[in-house]
Amino acid sequence: MLTKNQVKLLFVFYKSTLTLSIASSAMLAFLSFMNPVFMLLAFGICILSAGTVITLLYKETSKRHEYYFFYNMGLSRLTLLLTCALGNLIIGTAFIVIYIYA
């Protein structure tokens, strides 16, 4: 079971990955060059797949030393990666649902 402090730290980690994930997904969705409504679907799909992969690859290569801080606070690397993937899953699914019902 996670403590309140660990949940805050998970949010801090996810917040640090969110900017890169949204930026890379927006660029890939913009490359679709379809109508603006289709870009919502493309953004949702991109954040589910490419956004997660690009962000985690960036964290693994350039910010590897940050894992020690989170590990010392009781959070494993797998927990951090799953949190990032789950957050992107929620956001991507929300955009896909908006596209379906809009």
Protein backbone atom coordinates (compact mmCIF):
# COMPACT_ATOMS: atom_id res chain seq x y z
CA MET A 1 0.00 0.00 0.00
CA LEU A 2 1.30 3.43 -0.91
CA THR A 3 1.58 6.19 1.64
CA LYS A 4 0.33 9.71 1.03
CA ASN A 5 3.90 10.92 0.50
CA GLN A 6 4.59 8.20 -2.08
CA VAL A 7 1.43 9.12 -4.01
CA LYS A 8 2.63 12.73 -4.10
CA LEU A 9 5.99 11.56 -5.42
CA LEU A 10 4.28 9.49 -8.12
CA PHE A 11 2.41 12.61 -9.19
CA VAL A 12 5.67 14.59 -9.26
CA PHE A 13 7.26 11.95 -11.50
CA TYR A 14 4.27 11.81 -13.82
CA LYS A 15 4.06 15.59 -14.00
CA SER A 16 7.70 15.69 -15.11
CA THR A 17 6.94 13.30 -17.97
CA LEU A 18 3.64 14.86 -19.03
CA THR A 19 5.08 17.88 -20.86
CA LEU A 20 7.25 15.79 -23.16
CA SER A 21 4.49 13.28 -23.72
CA ILE A 22 1.94 15.92 -24.70
CA ALA A 23 4.42 17.78 -26.92
CA SER A 24 5.53 14.69 -28.83
CA SER A 25 1.94 13.48 -29.22
CA ALA A 26 0.76 16.88 -30.43
CA MET A 27 3.52 16.96 -33.05
CA LEU A 28 2.64 13.50 -34.28
CA ALA A 29 -1.07 14.32 -34.33
CA PHE A 30 -0.38 17.53 -36.24
CA LEU A 31 1.42 15.48 -38.87
CA SER A 32 -1.83 13.71 -39.66
CA PHE A 33 -2.93 16.77 -41.72
CA MET A 34 -6.55 15.71 -41.59
CA ASN A 35 -9.46 17.77 -40.42
CA PRO A 36 -9.16 19.24 -36.91
CA VAL A 37 -11.69 16.83 -35.42
CA PHE A 38 -9.63 13.82 -36.53
CA MET A 39 -6.65 15.34 -34.74
CA LEU A 40 -8.34 14.54 -31.40
CA LEU A 41 -8.35 10.85 -32.30
CA ALA A 42 -4.78 11.03 -33.58
CA PHE A 43 -3.67 12.79 -30.39
CA GLY A 44 -5.37 10.18 -28.22
CA ILE A 45 -3.72 7.34 -30.10
CA CYS A 46 -0.33 9.07 -30.11
CA ILE A 47 -0.36 9.75 -26.38
CA LEU A 48 -1.28 6.10 -25.75
CA SER A 49 1.58 4.75 -27.82
CA ALA A 50 4.28 7.15 -28.94
CA GLY A 51 3.93 9.61 -26.08
CA THR A 52 4.52 6.94 -23.50
CA VAL A 53 7.42 5.34 -25.36
CA ILE A 54 9.19 8.61 -26.14
CA THR A 55 8.83 9.90 -22.60
CA LEU A 56 10.08 6.71 -20.97
CA LEU A 57 12.96 6.47 -23.43
CA TYR A 58 13.93 10.04 -22.56
CA LYS A 59 13.78 9.29 -18.84
CA GLU A 60 15.84 6.12 -19.28
CA THR A 61 18.60 7.85 -21.23
CA SER A 62 18.95 11.35 -19.82
CA LYS A 63 17.32 11.35 -16.38
CA ARG A 64 18.43 7.94 -15.14
CA HIS A 65 19.90 9.39 -11.93
CA GLU A 66 16.45 10.56 -10.78
CA TYR A 67 15.40 6.95 -10.18
CA TYR A 68 17.66 6.80 -7.12
CA PHE A 69 15.71 9.60 -5.44
CA PHE A 70 12.41 7.79 -5.95
CA TYR A 71 13.92 4.43 -4.97
CA ASN A 72 15.14 5.92 -1.68
CA MET A 73 11.58 7.08 -1.03
CA GLY A 74 10.28 3.52 -1.43
CA LEU A 75 9.15 3.58 -5.08
CA SER A 76 10.53 1.09 -7.55
CA ARG A 77 11.33 1.91 -11.16
CA LEU A 78 8.56 -0.41 -12.32
CA THR A 79 6.03 1.50 -10.22
CA LEU A 80 7.14 4.78 -11.79
CA LEU A 81 6.94 3.40 -15.32
CA LEU A 82 3.52 1.87 -14.74
CA THR A 83 2.26 5.14 -13.29
CA CYS A 84 3.40 6.99 -16.39
CA ALA A 85 1.78 4.43 -18.70
CA LEU A 86 -1.46 4.44 -16.70
CA GLY A 87 -1.67 8.23 -16.70
CA ASN A 88 -1.17 8.35 -20.46
CA LEU A 89 -3.76 5.60 -20.87
CA ILE A 90 -6.34 7.67 -19.01
CA ILE A 91 -5.60 10.85 -20.97
CA GLY A 92 -5.47 9.05 -24.33
CA THR A 93 -8.72 7.22 -23.66
CA ALA A 94 -10.39 10.50 -22.71
CA PHE A 95 -9.42 12.06 -26.05
CA ILE A 96 -10.63 9.02 -27.97
CA VAL A 97 -13.98 9.12 -26.13
CA ILE A 98 -14.29 12.85 -26.87
CA TYR A 99 -13.66 12.12 -30.55
CA ILE A 100 -16.30 9.37 -30.62
CA TYR A 101 -19.01 11.44 -28.96
CA ALA A 102 -18.16 14.83 -30.55
